[in-house]
Amino acid sequence: MAKHVPSSDVDAVMAAALDAARQLGVSDASVRVETIRAQVVALRDGALETSSDDTEDGVGLRVVHDGSIGFAATADVSVDAAARLAHQAVGAAKVVAAVRRRPLELAAEPGHGTVSWSSSYRTDPTAVPMAEKVARLAEWSRRLLGQKGIDHVTAHVRAVSESKHYADLQGTVATQRRVRVHPSVEAVALDPQGGFEAMRTCAPPVGRGWEYLDGEGWDWDTELDELPELLAEKLASPSVDAGRYDLVIDPTNLWLTIHESIGHATELDRALGYEAAYAGTSFATPDKLGTLRYGSPIMHVTGDRTAEHGLASVAIDDEGVAAQSFDLVKDGLLVGYQLDRATASAAGYDRSNGCAFADSPLHVPIQRMANVSLQPAPSEGPTTAELIAGVERGIFVVGDKSWSIDMQRYNFQFTGQRFFRITAGRLDGQLRDVAYQGTTTEFWGSMEAVGGRSTYLLAGAFNCGKGQPGQVAPVSHGAPSALVRNVNVLNARAEGGR
């Protein structure tokens, strides 16, 4: 942030916005001054295909005036522009007041004084020279292209750094810095009969620096070395017979099922119907809180904005609420929701649990997902191998791919990167064209066992979409390996009419 706007100027900009808002009689006001740098580098067959390096600076001011929210923003990071924002935001609140049904209230949050926080990283991934990024991806691509049976390789890395200054009328003044990075490599093998198969690395996006690509947090060398043989085996493997199977699901796949069927379903704004026009609603409505049997008794799911390396981890959210960890599903029962201050107040909660986020200084904060995670067994085991050993006829699912879920987050279908037949407790070669299908409560209700801490992985996504106008948020989901019994498996190729 400092190279764009000195911290002393940031303090003056935020003070100007809040002072002007206070003079206009607002009951609540918060201001954000942000710099967001986002990069993409992509190679195809070892040659640079595209690159971008974008930086966004701006100031956003949210106010509550006479029971209505108003928001205004500008790319002009100056004292005068910030003071003008107060008039624009109050003007917007007055427009909202003319059409609102009832006055808005925000759940109370105390001031937290001066807060300084940074995510855990050593090397800002956006500060690494573009030439070094290209060289790393080119080297990975050549390693695969030099292997028999690999016809094409795509490789990309996305990197983001956020510098955020926040202040509000409650007295919170926070400076926060987050970085995140997502490298990915995909290999393609052509079938002599005219088909093809692809296989992608399973490394998740993380709240880490460039050291992630050097092997801190993921064994890139081993995965890249194994990929050609795995892809060749996949290309020669049989297509799955549709039917009921026991599944052992690796966290590299299970995170996405958590995201779609639990993460979105437990956002309170969706459960209240506020997102119905765009992102949908939720089957897990507030009248079911404390009674809905979401899954089996071993199911424990938390929302957490404090997890180290979590993509949604912060110290203070974009409404000034301190980061927290909280239960969503405990002993298989729905026990909580993800909240921002407006939805918390509307549903009768005393306090938000810190789930407000805006993807840009020019966008208003909305309720966004915490790091929603399925908790492992309390010991190191069982291991994934031990879960597999308990399956007579099943499939081991690794890596995420395509997905589909209805607007109430209830009926779903997921595919993956790698599927291994399980016969009598042992892996027995790969399968192709696997998709597993179910309803949220049926699927999680059939979860018989979760792996121990040794199987736990924090995965996630850069690009969770929500809101009108749309916003994109990064979010992590931790999961152990899990054993789910008697799941309906489709043959995706047959379902697609191929």
Protein backbone atom coordinates (compact mmCIF):
# COMPACT_ATOMS: atom_id res chain seq x y z
CA MET A 1 0.00 0.00 0.00
CA ALA A 2 2.76 2.41 0.95
CA LYS A 3 4.11 2.65 -2.58
CA HIS A 4 0.73 3.96 -3.76
CA VAL A 5 -0.46 6.07 -0.83
CA PRO A 6 1.65 6.94 2.24
CA SER A 7 0.10 5.71 5.49
CA SER A 8 -0.13 9.26 6.84
CA ASP A 9 -2.22 10.20 3.81
CA VAL A 10 -4.41 7.11 4.29
CA ASP A 11 -5.14 8.19 7.85
CA ALA A 12 -6.11 11.64 6.62
CA VAL A 13 -8.32 10.23 3.87
CA MET A 14 -10.18 7.95 6.28
CA ALA A 15 -10.58 10.72 8.86
CA ALA A 16 -11.97 13.08 6.22
CA ALA A 17 -14.60 10.55 5.14
CA LEU A 18 -15.69 9.72 8.69
CA ASP A 19 -15.71 13.35 9.89
CA ALA A 20 -17.88 14.39 6.97
CA ALA A 21 -20.24 11.48 7.55
CA ARG A 22 -20.52 12.30 11.27
CA GLN A 23 -21.43 15.90 10.47
CA LEU A 24 -24.23 14.68 8.21
CA GLY A 25 -25.85 12.83 11.11
CA VAL A 26 -25.17 9.20 10.24
CA SER A 27 -25.63 6.53 12.89
CA ASP A 28 -22.88 4.30 11.51
CA ALA A 29 -20.04 4.77 9.05
CA SER A 30 -17.04 2.74 7.91
CA VAL A 31 -14.40 3.52 5.32
CA ARG A 32 -11.92 1.34 3.43
CA VAL A 33 -8.83 2.48 1.53
CA GLU A 34 -7.48 -0.41 -0.50
CA THR A 35 -4.91 -1.46 -3.04
CA ILE A 36 -5.47 -4.82 -4.75
CA ARG A 37 -2.88 -6.20 -7.15
CA ALA A 38 -3.90 -9.24 -9.23
CA GLN A 39 -1.76 -11.16 -11.68
CA VAL A 40 -2.31 -14.03 -14.10
CA VAL A 41 0.34 -15.86 -16.11
CA ALA A 42 -0.67 -18.73 -18.42
CA LEU A 43 1.39 -20.94 -20.74
CA ARG A 44 0.34 -23.46 -23.35
CA ASP A 45 2.85 -26.14 -24.32
CA GLY A 46 5.61 -24.17 -22.63
CA ALA A 47 4.97 -20.91 -24.50
CA LEU A 48 3.47 -17.80 -22.94
CA GLU A 49 -0.20 -17.53 -23.87
CA THR A 50 -1.39 -14.63 -21.71
CA SER A 51 -0.34 -12.46 -18.80
CA SER A 52 -1.88 -9.60 -16.86
CA ASP A 53 -0.86 -7.41 -13.94
CA ASP A 54 -3.62 -5.14 -12.63
CA THR A 55 -3.65 -2.81 -9.65
CA GLU A 56 -6.81 -1.27 -8.22
CA ASP A 57 -6.77 1.62 -5.75
CA GLY A 58 -9.81 3.23 -4.19
CA VAL A 59 -11.84 4.47 -1.25
CA GLY A 60 -15.23 3.07 -0.25
CA LEU A 61 -17.53 4.60 2.38
CA ARG A 62 -20.61 2.93 3.82
CA VAL A 63 -23.05 4.83 6.04
CA VAL A 64 -26.31 4.20 7.82
CA HIS A 65 -28.50 7.30 7.72
CA ASP A 66 -32.04 7.42 9.06
CA GLY A 67 -32.34 3.62 8.95
CA SER A 68 -30.96 3.09 5.43
CA ILE A 69 -27.57 2.06 4.06
CA GLY A 70 -25.80 4.23 1.55
CA PHE A 71 -22.52 3.52 -0.19
CA ALA A 72 -20.21 5.58 -2.37
CA ALA A 73 -16.72 4.97 -3.71
CA THR A 74 -14.01 6.60 -5.77
CA ALA A 75 -10.66 5.76 -7.33
CA ASP A 76 -9.43 9.20 -6.23
CA VAL A 77 -7.54 8.51 -3.00
CA SER A 78 -7.48 12.07 -1.66
CA VAL A 79 -8.83 13.97 1.34
CA ASP A 80 -11.19 16.10 -0.73
CA ALA A 81 -12.59 13.14 -2.64
CA ALA A 82 -13.11 11.19 0.59
CA ALA A 83 -15.06 14.07 2.15
CA ARG A 84 -17.30 14.25 -0.92
CA LEU A 85 -18.06 10.54 -0.56
CA ALA A 86 -19.99 11.26 2.64
CA HIS A 87 -22.49 13.45 0.79
CA GLN A 88 -22.83 10.87 -1.98
CA ALA A 89 -23.31 7.98 0.45
CA VAL A 90 -25.92 9.86 2.48
CA GLY A 91 -27.67 10.79 -0.76
CA ALA A 92 -27.78 7.13 -1.71
CA ALA A 93 -29.22 6.25 1.71
CA LYS A 94 -32.01 8.79 1.20
CA VAL A 95 -32.90 7.16 -2.13
CA VAL A 96 -33.04 3.77 -0.44
CA ALA A 97 -35.20 5.17 2.37
CA ALA A 98 -37.90 6.09 -0.11
CA VAL A 99 -38.41 2.48 -1.20
CA ARG A 100 -37.46 0.42 1.86
CA ARG A 101 -39.96 -1.72 3.78
CA ARG A 102 -38.55 -1.08 7.24
CA PRO A 103 -35.61 0.73 8.85
CA LEU A 104 -32.35 -1.17 8.79
CA GLU A 105 -30.48 -2.06 11.96
CA LEU A 106 -26.97 -3.41 12.26
CA ALA A 107 -25.98 -5.79 15.03
CA ALA A 108 -23.74 -4.00 17.49
CA GLU A 109 -19.96 -4.40 17.41
CA PRO A 110 -17.55 -2.75 19.81
CA GLY A 111 -14.54 -0.80 18.63
CA HIS A 112 -11.30 -2.79 18.52
CA GLY A 113 -8.82 0.07 18.58
CA THR A 114 -5.75 -0.12 16.40
CA VAL A 115 -5.27 -3.47 14.63
CA SER A 116 -2.36 -4.50 12.43
CA TRP A 117 -2.46 -7.94 10.79
CA SER A 118 -0.91 -9.87 7.94
CA SER A 119 -1.48 -13.32 6.52
CA SER A 120 1.39 -15.81 6.89
CA TYR A 121 3.79 -15.59 3.96
CA ARG A 122 7.45 -14.92 3.21
CA THR A 123 7.50 -13.71 -0.40
CA ASP A 124 4.71 -11.60 -1.87
CA PRO A 125 3.78 -13.59 -5.00
CA THR A 126 2.88 -10.42 -6.91
CA ALA A 127 6.38 -9.03 -6.29
CA VAL A 128 8.11 -11.94 -8.05
CA PRO A 129 9.24 -10.78 -11.52
CA MET A 130 7.00 -11.84 -14.37
CA ALA A 131 9.98 -13.46 -16.12
CA GLU A 132 10.55 -15.70 -13.10
CA LYS A 133 6.90 -16.76 -13.12
CA VAL A 134 7.07 -17.63 -16.82
CA ALA A 135 10.33 -19.54 -16.32
CA ARG A 136 8.88 -21.63 -13.49
CA LEU A 137 5.77 -22.60 -15.46
CA ALA A 138 7.86 -23.28 -18.58
CA GLU A 139 10.14 -25.62 -16.63
CA TRP A 140 7.16 -27.51 -15.22
CA SER A 141 5.63 -27.73 -18.71
CA ARG A 142 8.85 -29.09 -20.26
CA ARG A 143 9.07 -31.78 -17.58
CA LEU A 144 5.68 -33.11 -18.67
CA LEU A 145 6.01 -32.54 -22.41
CA GLY A 146 9.18 -34.61 -22.35
CA GLN A 147 7.26 -37.64 -21.11
CA LYS A 148 5.82 -40.29 -23.44
CA GLY A 149 2.10 -39.94 -24.01
CA ILE A 150 1.78 -36.27 -23.02
CA ASP A 151 0.53 -34.28 -26.01
CA HIS A 152 -0.30 -30.89 -24.52
CA VAL A 153 0.30 -29.03 -21.28
CA THR A 154 -1.27 -25.88 -19.91
CA ALA A 155 0.15 -24.14 -16.85
CA HIS A 156 -0.92 -21.02 -15.02
CA VAL A 157 -0.43 -19.16 -11.79
CA ARG A 158 -2.69 -16.55 -10.25
CA ALA A 159 -1.39 -14.24 -7.54
CA VAL A 160 -3.13 -11.54 -5.50
CA SER A 161 -2.03 -9.14 -2.79
CA GLU A 162 -4.47 -6.98 -0.85
CA SER A 163 -3.57 -4.01 1.33
CA LYS A 164 -6.59 -2.79 3.24
CA HIS A 165 -6.98 0.14 5.65
CA TYR A 166 -10.26 0.25 7.55
CA ALA A 167 -11.75 2.70 10.05
CA ASP A 168 -15.21 3.23 11.57
CA LEU A 169 -17.06 5.43 14.02
CA GLN A 170 -16.76 2.78 16.75
CA GLY A 171 -13.01 3.44 16.93
CA THR A 172 -11.60 0.48 15.02
CA VAL A 173 -8.63 1.37 12.82
CA ALA A 174 -7.24 -1.69 11.05
CA THR A 175 -4.39 -2.25 8.62
CA GLN A 176 -4.44 -5.68 7.00
CA ARG A 177 -2.44 -7.38 4.28
CA ARG A 178 -3.34 -10.63 2.57
CA VAL A 179 -1.66 -12.57 -0.21
CA ARG A 180 -2.79 -15.65 -2.07
CA VAL A 181 -1.50 -17.78 -4.93
CA HIS A 182 -2.83 -20.60 -7.11
CA PRO A 183 -0.55 -22.53 -9.49
CA SER A 184 -2.03 -25.26 -11.68
CA VAL A 185 -0.74 -27.59 -14.40
CA GLU A 186 -2.89 -29.76 -16.68
CA ALA A 187 -1.66 -32.46 -19.04
CA VAL A 188 -3.61 -33.82 -22.02
CA ALA A 189 -3.14 -37.23 -23.66
CA LEU A 190 -4.73 -38.01 -27.04
CA ASP A 191 -6.41 -41.32 -27.75
CA PRO A 192 -5.56 -42.90 -31.16
CA GLN A 193 -9.30 -43.45 -31.63
CA GLY A 194 -9.93 -39.73 -31.50
CA GLY A 195 -10.65 -39.13 -27.83
CA PHE A 196 -8.53 -37.63 -25.10
CA GLU A 197 -8.12 -37.47 -21.35
CA ALA A 198 -6.81 -34.65 -19.17
CA MET A 199 -5.45 -34.61 -15.64
CA ARG A 200 -4.67 -31.58 -13.50
CA THR A 201 -2.54 -31.10 -10.42
CA CYS A 202 -4.54 -31.20 -7.21
CA ALA A 203 -2.67 -28.43 -5.38
CA PRO A 204 -5.22 -26.00 -3.92
CA PRO A 205 -5.08 -22.21 -3.91
CA VAL A 206 -3.65 -20.98 -0.62
CA GLY A 207 -3.06 -17.92 1.49
CA ARG A 208 0.71 -18.28 1.10
CA GLY A 209 3.49 -16.54 -0.78
CA TRP A 210 5.71 -17.62 -3.67
CA GLU A 211 7.40 -20.12 -1.35
CA TYR A 212 4.40 -22.37 -2.09
CA LEU A 213 5.81 -23.01 -5.57
CA ASP A 214 9.15 -23.91 -3.99
CA GLY A 215 7.51 -26.80 -2.16
CA GLU A 216 6.37 -25.24 1.10
CA GLY A 217 2.89 -26.66 1.64
CA TRP A 218 2.84 -28.90 -1.46
CA ASP A 219 5.17 -31.50 -3.01
CA TRP A 220 5.21 -30.28 -6.60
CA ASP A 221 8.09 -32.48 -7.72
CA THR A 222 6.35 -35.68 -6.70
CA GLU A 223 3.00 -34.75 -8.22
CA LEU A 224 4.53 -33.65 -11.54
CA ASP A 225 6.61 -36.85 -11.68
CA GLU A 226 3.53 -39.01 -11.07
CA LEU A 227 1.19 -37.21 -13.47
CA PRO A 228 2.27 -38.85 -16.78
CA GLU A 229 1.86 -42.41 -15.49
CA LEU A 230 -1.47 -41.58 -13.84
CA LEU A 231 -2.76 -39.98 -17.03
CA ALA A 232 -1.66 -42.90 -19.19
CA GLU A 233 -3.44 -45.29 -16.85
CA LYS A 234 -6.56 -43.11 -16.91
CA LEU A 235 -6.59 -43.06 -20.72
CA ALA A 236 -6.53 -46.87 -20.80
CA SER A 237 -8.95 -47.42 -17.93
CA PRO A 238 -12.53 -48.70 -18.29
CA SER A 239 -15.59 -46.51 -18.04
CA VAL A 240 -17.45 -46.87 -14.76
CA ASP A 241 -20.60 -48.96 -14.48
CA ALA A 242 -23.34 -46.78 -13.03
CA GLY A 243 -24.72 -47.90 -9.69
CA ARG A 244 -24.31 -47.62 -5.94
CA TYR A 245 -20.79 -47.50 -4.51
CA ASP A 246 -19.08 -46.75 -1.25
CA LEU A 247 -16.87 -43.71 -1.77
CA VAL A 248 -13.66 -42.71 -0.06
CA ILE A 249 -13.31 -39.05 -0.95
CA ASP A 250 -10.00 -37.23 -0.77
CA PRO A 251 -10.04 -33.66 0.62
CA THR A 252 -8.87 -32.41 -2.81
CA ASN A 253 -12.36 -33.34 -4.01
CA LEU A 254 -14.46 -33.10 -0.85
CA TRP A 255 -13.73 -29.39 -0.33
CA LEU A 256 -15.96 -28.48 -3.29
CA THR A 257 -18.86 -30.59 -2.02
CA ILE A 258 -18.51 -28.78 1.32
CA HIS A 259 -18.46 -25.41 -0.43
CA GLU A 260 -21.58 -26.00 -2.50
CA SER A 261 -23.76 -28.05 -0.15
CA ILE A 262 -22.77 -26.58 3.23
CA GLY A 263 -20.91 -23.31 2.71
CA HIS A 264 -23.54 -21.66 0.56
CA ALA A 265 -26.46 -23.33 2.31
CA THR A 266 -25.48 -21.85 5.69
CA GLU A 267 -25.14 -18.25 4.51
CA LEU A 268 -27.94 -16.55 6.40
CA ASP A 269 -28.81 -14.07 3.66
CA ARG A 270 -29.51 -17.01 1.33
CA ALA A 271 -31.49 -18.83 4.03
CA LEU A 272 -33.58 -15.68 4.53
CA GLY A 273 -34.25 -15.42 0.79
CA TYR A 274 -32.18 -12.30 0.10
CA GLU A 275 -30.16 -13.95 -2.70
CA ALA A 276 -33.10 -15.64 -4.42
CA ALA A 277 -32.96 -13.52 -7.57
CA TYR A 278 -29.38 -14.46 -8.41
CA ALA A 279 -27.44 -16.97 -6.31
CA GLY A 280 -30.47 -18.80 -4.94
CA THR A 281 -31.83 -19.66 -1.53
CA SER A 282 -31.19 -22.53 0.91
CA PHE A 283 -33.05 -25.61 2.07
CA ALA A 284 -31.52 -24.99 5.53
CA THR A 285 -33.99 -22.29 6.56
CA PRO A 286 -33.93 -20.63 10.03
CA ASP A 287 -36.97 -22.57 11.25
CA LYS A 288 -34.80 -25.73 11.04
CA LEU A 289 -32.00 -24.37 13.23
CA GLY A 290 -31.20 -26.88 15.95
CA THR A 291 -33.44 -29.58 14.49
CA LEU A 292 -32.33 -30.25 10.90
CA ARG A 293 -30.40 -33.52 10.63
CA TYR A 294 -27.78 -32.26 8.18
CA GLY A 295 -25.65 -35.39 8.32
CA SER A 296 -24.41 -38.28 10.42
CA PRO A 297 -23.48 -37.76 14.09
CA ILE A 298 -19.76 -37.62 13.25
CA MET A 299 -20.31 -34.50 11.14
CA HIS A 300 -18.78 -31.35 12.62
CA VAL A 301 -18.49 -28.30 10.36
CA THR A 302 -17.11 -24.93 11.41
CA GLY A 303 -16.94 -21.47 9.92
CA ASP A 304 -13.59 -19.83 10.60
CA ARG A 305 -12.03 -16.52 9.59
CA THR A 306 -8.87 -17.14 11.60
CA ALA A 307 -7.34 -20.26 9.98
CA GLU A 308 -3.67 -19.86 9.05
CA HIS A 309 -3.26 -19.70 5.26
CA GLY A 310 -7.05 -19.56 4.85
CA LEU A 311 -8.20 -17.61 1.81
CA ALA A 312 -11.01 -15.99 3.83
CA SER A 313 -8.91 -15.35 6.94
CA VAL A 314 -8.66 -11.81 8.33
CA ALA A 315 -8.40 -10.06 11.67
CA ILE A 316 -11.27 -7.62 11.08
CA ASP A 317 -13.98 -8.03 8.46
CA ASP A 318 -15.23 -5.25 6.20
CA GLU A 319 -17.79 -4.13 8.79
CA GLY A 320 -15.31 -3.87 11.67
CA VAL A 321 -16.23 -7.24 13.22
CA ALA A 322 -13.41 -9.27 14.78
CA ALA A 323 -12.63 -12.58 13.08
CA GLN A 324 -14.13 -15.62 14.79
CA SER A 325 -14.51 -19.39 14.61
CA PHE A 326 -17.97 -20.87 15.09
CA ASP A 327 -20.01 -24.04 14.61
CA LEU A 328 -22.35 -24.52 11.66
CA VAL A 329 -23.09 -28.25 11.99
CA LYS A 330 -22.38 -30.11 15.23
CA ASP A 331 -23.07 -33.82 15.82
CA GLY A 332 -24.84 -33.79 12.45
CA LEU A 333 -27.32 -31.02 13.40
CA LEU A 334 -27.61 -27.54 11.88
CA VAL A 335 -26.57 -25.20 14.71
CA GLY A 336 -25.42 -21.95 13.09
CA TYR A 337 -25.17 -19.62 10.12
CA GLN A 338 -22.66 -17.26 8.58
CA LEU A 339 -23.65 -13.67 9.37
CA ASP A 340 -22.96 -10.07 8.59
CA ARG A 341 -24.27 -7.28 10.80
CA ALA A 342 -27.49 -6.67 8.84
CA THR A 343 -28.57 -10.32 8.59
CA ALA A 344 -27.57 -10.92 12.21
CA SER A 345 -29.86 -8.13 13.34
CA ALA A 346 -32.69 -9.21 11.05
CA ALA A 347 -32.59 -12.74 12.51
CA GLY A 348 -32.31 -11.63 16.13
CA TYR A 349 -28.62 -12.36 16.75
CA ASP A 350 -26.75 -10.10 19.16
CA ARG A 351 -23.62 -10.01 17.03
CA SER A 352 -22.29 -10.83 13.60
CA ASN A 353 -19.67 -13.58 13.32
CA GLY A 354 -17.58 -11.50 10.92
CA CYS A 355 -18.58 -12.63 7.43
CA ALA A 356 -18.70 -9.32 5.53
CA PHE A 357 -16.37 -8.76 2.57
CA ALA A 358 -16.13 -6.58 -0.53
CA ASP A 359 -13.91 -7.69 -3.40
CA SER A 360 -13.04 -4.10 -4.31
CA PRO A 361 -12.84 -0.71 -2.59
CA LEU A 362 -15.47 0.35 -5.11
CA HIS A 363 -17.97 -2.31 -3.97
CA VAL A 364 -20.19 -2.40 -0.88
CA PRO A 365 -19.47 -5.18 1.64
CA ILE A 366 -21.92 -8.08 1.55
CA GLN A 367 -22.21 -11.31 3.52
CA ARG A 368 -19.54 -13.70 2.22
CA MET A 369 -18.35 -17.15 3.14
CA ALA A 370 -15.91 -17.89 5.95
CA ASN A 371 -13.45 -20.77 5.69
CA VAL A 372 -16.07 -23.52 6.08
CA SER A 373 -14.44 -26.81 7.04
CA LEU A 374 -15.34 -30.40 7.95
CA GLN A 375 -13.41 -31.33 11.06
CA PRO A 376 -11.28 -34.50 11.14
CA ALA A 377 -11.29 -37.25 13.73
CA PRO A 378 -9.55 -36.13 16.93
CA SER A 379 -6.50 -38.39 16.51
CA GLU A 380 -3.96 -38.75 13.68
CA GLY A 381 -5.92 -41.68 12.26
CA PRO A 382 -7.70 -43.25 10.63
CA THR A 383 -5.55 -42.74 7.55
CA THR A 384 -6.95 -42.69 4.03
CA ALA A 385 -5.55 -46.19 3.50
CA GLU A 386 -7.42 -47.41 6.58
CA LEU A 387 -10.68 -45.93 5.25
CA ILE A 388 -10.11 -47.67 1.92
CA ALA A 389 -9.42 -50.95 3.74
CA GLY A 390 -12.97 -50.86 5.11
CA VAL A 391 -14.58 -50.84 1.63
CA GLU A 392 -15.48 -54.01 -0.23
CA ARG A 393 -16.69 -52.40 -3.47
CA GLY A 394 -16.15 -48.72 -3.99
CA ILE A 395 -14.31 -45.81 -5.57
CA PHE A 396 -11.55 -43.53 -4.26
CA VAL A 397 -12.13 -39.98 -5.56
CA VAL A 398 -9.26 -37.48 -5.92
CA GLY A 399 -9.26 -33.90 -7.20
CA ASP A 400 -12.11 -31.61 -8.20
CA LYS A 401 -13.53 -30.94 -11.63
CA SER A 402 -17.11 -30.13 -12.65
CA TRP A 403 -20.12 -29.74 -10.39
CA SER A 404 -23.82 -28.98 -10.46
CA ILE A 405 -26.23 -28.11 -7.64
CA ASP A 406 -29.73 -26.70 -7.49
CA MET A 407 -30.61 -23.22 -6.27
CA GLN A 408 -31.51 -24.48 -2.79
CA ARG A 409 -28.16 -26.32 -2.44
CA TYR A 410 -29.89 -29.67 -2.08
CA ASN A 411 -29.64 -31.85 -5.21
CA PHE A 412 -26.10 -32.13 -6.54
CA GLN A 413 -23.63 -33.88 -8.80
CA PHE A 414 -19.80 -33.82 -8.70
CA THR A 415 -16.99 -35.25 -10.81
CA GLY A 416 -13.25 -35.30 -10.14
CA GLN A 417 -9.72 -35.66 -11.54
CA ARG A 418 -8.86 -39.25 -10.63
CA PHE A 419 -10.98 -42.25 -9.74
CA PHE A 420 -9.60 -45.53 -8.40
CA ARG A 421 -11.64 -48.70 -8.11
CA ILE A 422 -11.66 -50.23 -4.61
CA THR A 423 -11.94 -54.02 -4.47
CA ALA A 424 -11.83 -55.86 -1.15
CA GLY A 425 -10.15 -52.97 0.62
CA ARG A 426 -7.46 -52.32 -1.99
CA LEU A 427 -7.03 -49.91 -4.90
CA ASP A 428 -7.60 -51.82 -8.14
CA GLY A 429 -6.81 -49.52 -11.07
CA GLN A 430 -8.44 -46.36 -12.36
CA LEU A 431 -11.92 -45.72 -13.71
CA ARG A 432 -13.20 -43.08 -16.09
CA ASP A 433 -16.35 -40.99 -16.41
CA VAL A 434 -17.33 -41.06 -12.74
CA ALA A 435 -19.87 -38.62 -11.29
CA TYR A 436 -21.42 -38.97 -7.85
CA GLN A 437 -24.92 -37.73 -7.17
CA GLY A 438 -27.13 -37.18 -4.17
CA THR A 439 -29.04 -34.82 -1.95
CA THR A 440 -27.24 -32.86 0.71
CA THR A 441 -28.79 -34.55 3.75
CA GLU A 442 -28.71 -38.04 2.21
CA PHE A 443 -25.04 -37.72 1.27
CA TRP A 444 -23.80 -36.29 4.56
CA GLY A 445 -26.10 -38.65 6.47
CA SER A 446 -24.30 -41.56 4.80
CA MET A 447 -20.86 -40.41 5.94
CA GLU A 448 -19.69 -43.27 8.13
CA ALA A 449 -16.16 -42.15 9.00
CA VAL A 450 -13.77 -39.24 8.63
CA GLY A 451 -10.01 -39.46 8.50
CA GLY A 452 -7.78 -38.20 11.25
CA ARG A 453 -5.68 -35.08 11.40
CA SER A 454 -3.04 -36.65 9.15
CA THR A 455 -5.52 -36.60 6.24
CA TYR A 456 -6.68 -32.99 6.73
CA LEU A 457 -6.07 -30.46 3.92
CA LEU A 458 -7.09 -26.82 3.53
CA ALA A 459 -8.25 -26.44 -0.08
CA GLY A 460 -10.58 -23.89 -1.65
CA ALA A 461 -11.24 -21.45 -4.49
CA PHE A 462 -10.24 -17.98 -5.66
CA ASN A 463 -13.51 -17.27 -7.38
CA CYS A 464 -16.70 -17.76 -5.36
CA GLY A 465 -19.35 -15.55 -6.97
CA LYS A 466 -22.28 -13.82 -5.33
CA GLY A 467 -24.27 -10.59 -5.25
CA GLN A 468 -25.82 -8.12 -7.67
CA PRO A 469 -23.67 -6.52 -9.04
CA GLY A 470 -21.54 -9.65 -8.84
CA GLN A 471 -18.55 -9.95 -6.56
CA VAL A 472 -15.88 -12.65 -6.33
CA ALA A 473 -14.39 -13.83 -3.05
CA PRO A 474 -11.59 -16.27 -2.14
CA VAL A 475 -12.45 -18.95 0.40
CA SER A 476 -10.79 -22.05 1.86
CA HIS A 477 -12.39 -25.31 2.96
CA GLY A 478 -10.59 -27.79 5.14
CA ALA A 479 -11.47 -31.46 5.01
CA PRO A 480 -10.14 -34.88 5.97
CA SER A 481 -10.64 -37.92 3.81
CA ALA A 482 -14.14 -39.30 4.32
CA LEU A 483 -15.96 -42.60 3.83
CA VAL A 484 -19.50 -42.23 2.49
CA ARG A 485 -21.59 -45.37 2.00
CA ASN A 486 -23.95 -46.35 -0.81
CA VAL A 487 -23.65 -43.26 -3.03
CA ASN A 488 -25.29 -43.12 -6.45
CA VAL A 489 -22.62 -43.05 -9.18
CA LEU A 490 -23.43 -42.04 -12.75
CA ASN A 491 -21.48 -42.69 -15.92
CA ALA A 492 -20.85 -39.10 -17.02
CA ARG A 493 -20.07 -40.10 -20.59
CA ALA A 494 -23.34 -41.98 -20.97
CA GLU A 495 -25.27 -39.18 -19.25
CA GLY A 496 -23.78 -36.76 -21.77
CA GLY A 497 -24.99 -38.89 -24.68
CA ARG A 498 -21.50 -39.90 -25.78
